[in-house]
Amino acid sequence: MEDFTKRVEKGIVIESVNLSRATYNEALKFKKILNEDINEKKFPKIIIDISQCDFVDSTFMGAIIFAKRSMNGIGGELKIIHPVDSFTAFLERTPILDAMEPHESLEKAIQSFK
């Protein structure tokens, strides 16, 4: 399986991260994918599914935060699907997760769009 997969459902781009560990090496590629979605293809709604990740380092989170800011700048929306429980526990101690509009499932994330 590829590290990242993209699909469109109900006009929403769903970027799935199919990695157990999302680190610096993968962050560069993912940032490029997100940049293309936002700045070239102009998708107004994006969901990032990191539910398969056991670990996401600060560089990878930085790529997601950068994408979130870019989406805010164009009036778009970006949401994430919670990672596995062990990583969620770490993120809940920081304000990062709240800023990302986390959701427990893809269905809930899709429903949350206006």
Protein backbone atom coordinates (compact mmCIF):
# COMPACT_ATOMS: atom_id res chain seq x y z
CA MET A 1 0.00 0.00 0.00
CA GLU A 2 1.15 3.50 -0.74
CA ASP A 3 2.17 5.82 2.11
CA PHE A 4 -0.54 8.33 1.15
CA THR A 5 -3.81 7.83 -0.67
CA LYS A 6 -6.31 10.40 -1.87
CA ARG A 7 -9.97 10.13 -2.65
CA VAL A 8 -12.82 12.56 -3.08
CA GLU A 9 -16.16 11.97 -1.38
CA LYS A 10 -19.04 14.43 -1.50
CA GLY A 11 -16.69 17.14 -2.75
CA ILE A 12 -14.30 16.60 0.16
CA VAL A 13 -10.70 15.50 -0.37
CA ILE A 14 -9.68 12.72 2.01
CA GLU A 15 -5.93 12.33 2.38
CA SER A 16 -5.15 9.08 4.21
CA VAL A 17 -1.78 8.56 5.86
CA ASN A 18 -1.10 4.82 5.66
CA LEU A 19 1.90 4.78 7.97
CA SER A 20 2.45 3.59 11.51
CA ARG A 21 5.13 6.26 11.96
CA ALA A 22 4.85 9.63 10.21
CA THR A 23 8.19 11.42 10.50
CA TYR A 24 10.41 14.01 8.84
CA ASN A 25 11.05 11.93 5.72
CA GLU A 26 7.35 11.49 5.04
CA ALA A 27 6.49 15.07 6.08
CA LEU A 28 8.22 16.59 3.07
CA LYS A 29 6.26 14.45 0.62
CA PHE A 30 2.97 14.99 2.48
CA LYS A 31 3.46 18.76 2.64
CA LYS A 32 3.90 18.76 -1.14
CA ILE A 33 0.69 16.73 -1.57
CA LEU A 34 -1.27 19.11 0.68
CA ASN A 35 0.19 22.16 -1.02
CA GLU A 36 -0.97 20.80 -4.37
CA ASP A 37 -4.47 20.15 -2.98
CA ILE A 38 -4.73 23.66 -1.55
CA ASN A 39 -2.84 25.94 -3.94
CA GLU A 40 -3.01 24.16 -7.29
CA LYS A 41 -6.26 22.20 -7.24
CA LYS A 42 -8.01 24.66 -4.91
CA PHE A 43 -9.91 22.04 -2.90
CA PRO A 44 -12.00 23.93 -0.28
CA LYS A 45 -12.51 20.97 2.08
CA ILE A 46 -9.85 18.50 3.18
CA ILE A 47 -9.82 15.71 5.75
CA ILE A 48 -6.51 14.22 6.85
CA ASP A 49 -6.88 10.70 8.18
CA ILE A 50 -4.02 9.88 10.55
CA SER A 51 -5.97 7.15 12.34
CA GLN A 52 -3.41 4.49 11.29
CA CYS A 53 -0.45 6.36 12.81
CA ASP A 54 1.02 5.16 16.09
CA PHE A 55 3.45 8.06 16.04
CA VAL A 56 3.51 11.45 14.32
CA ASP A 57 6.58 13.61 14.88
CA SER A 58 6.63 17.38 15.17
CA THR A 59 7.78 17.85 11.57
CA PHE A 60 4.84 15.90 10.22
CA MET A 61 2.44 17.77 12.52
CA GLY A 62 4.06 20.98 11.27
CA ALA A 63 3.11 20.04 7.70
CA ILE A 64 -0.49 19.56 8.82
CA ILE A 65 -0.52 22.84 10.75
CA PHE A 66 0.93 24.66 7.72
CA ALA A 67 -1.86 23.20 5.58
CA LYS A 68 -4.47 24.24 8.15
CA ARG A 69 -3.18 27.83 8.07
CA SER A 70 -3.15 27.81 4.28
CA MET A 71 -6.75 26.57 4.22
CA ASN A 72 -7.80 29.29 6.65
CA GLY A 73 -6.16 31.84 4.37
CA ILE A 74 -8.31 30.82 1.40
CA GLY A 75 -11.51 30.34 3.39
CA GLY A 76 -11.30 26.55 3.25
CA GLU A 77 -11.65 23.97 5.97
CA LEU A 78 -9.26 21.25 7.08
CA LYS A 79 -10.08 18.57 9.64
CA ILE A 80 -8.30 15.48 10.91
CA ILE A 81 -9.37 12.06 12.02
CA HIS A 82 -7.92 11.14 15.40
CA PRO A 83 -4.83 9.00 15.47
CA VAL A 84 -4.73 5.84 17.59
CA ASP A 85 -5.29 6.19 21.32
CA SER A 86 -1.65 6.27 22.45
CA PHE A 87 -0.83 9.23 20.22
CA THR A 88 -4.12 10.99 20.94
CA ALA A 89 -3.29 10.95 24.65
CA PHE A 90 -0.08 12.84 23.88
CA LEU A 91 -1.78 15.38 21.62
CA GLU A 92 -4.56 16.06 24.12
CA ARG A 93 -1.94 17.64 26.38
CA THR A 94 -1.23 20.26 23.72
CA PRO A 95 -3.51 22.76 21.98
CA ILE A 96 -2.62 21.29 18.59
CA LEU A 97 -5.49 18.83 18.42
CA ASP A 98 -8.14 21.44 19.16
CA ALA A 99 -6.83 23.67 16.38
CA MET A 100 -7.08 20.75 13.96
CA GLU A 101 -10.80 20.08 14.55
CA PRO A 102 -10.28 16.38 15.30
CA HIS A 103 -12.97 13.77 14.70
CA GLU A 104 -13.31 10.15 15.76
CA SER A 105 -14.31 8.81 12.34
CA LEU A 106 -14.43 9.72 8.69
CA GLU A 107 -18.23 9.85 8.79
CA LYS A 108 -18.22 12.38 11.64
CA ALA A 109 -15.58 14.49 9.90
CA ILE A 110 -17.62 14.59 6.68
CA GLN A 111 -20.78 15.51 8.60
CA SER A 112 -18.96 18.35 10.38
CA PHE A 113 -18.49 20.39 7.19
CA LYS A 114 -20.96 23.23 6.78
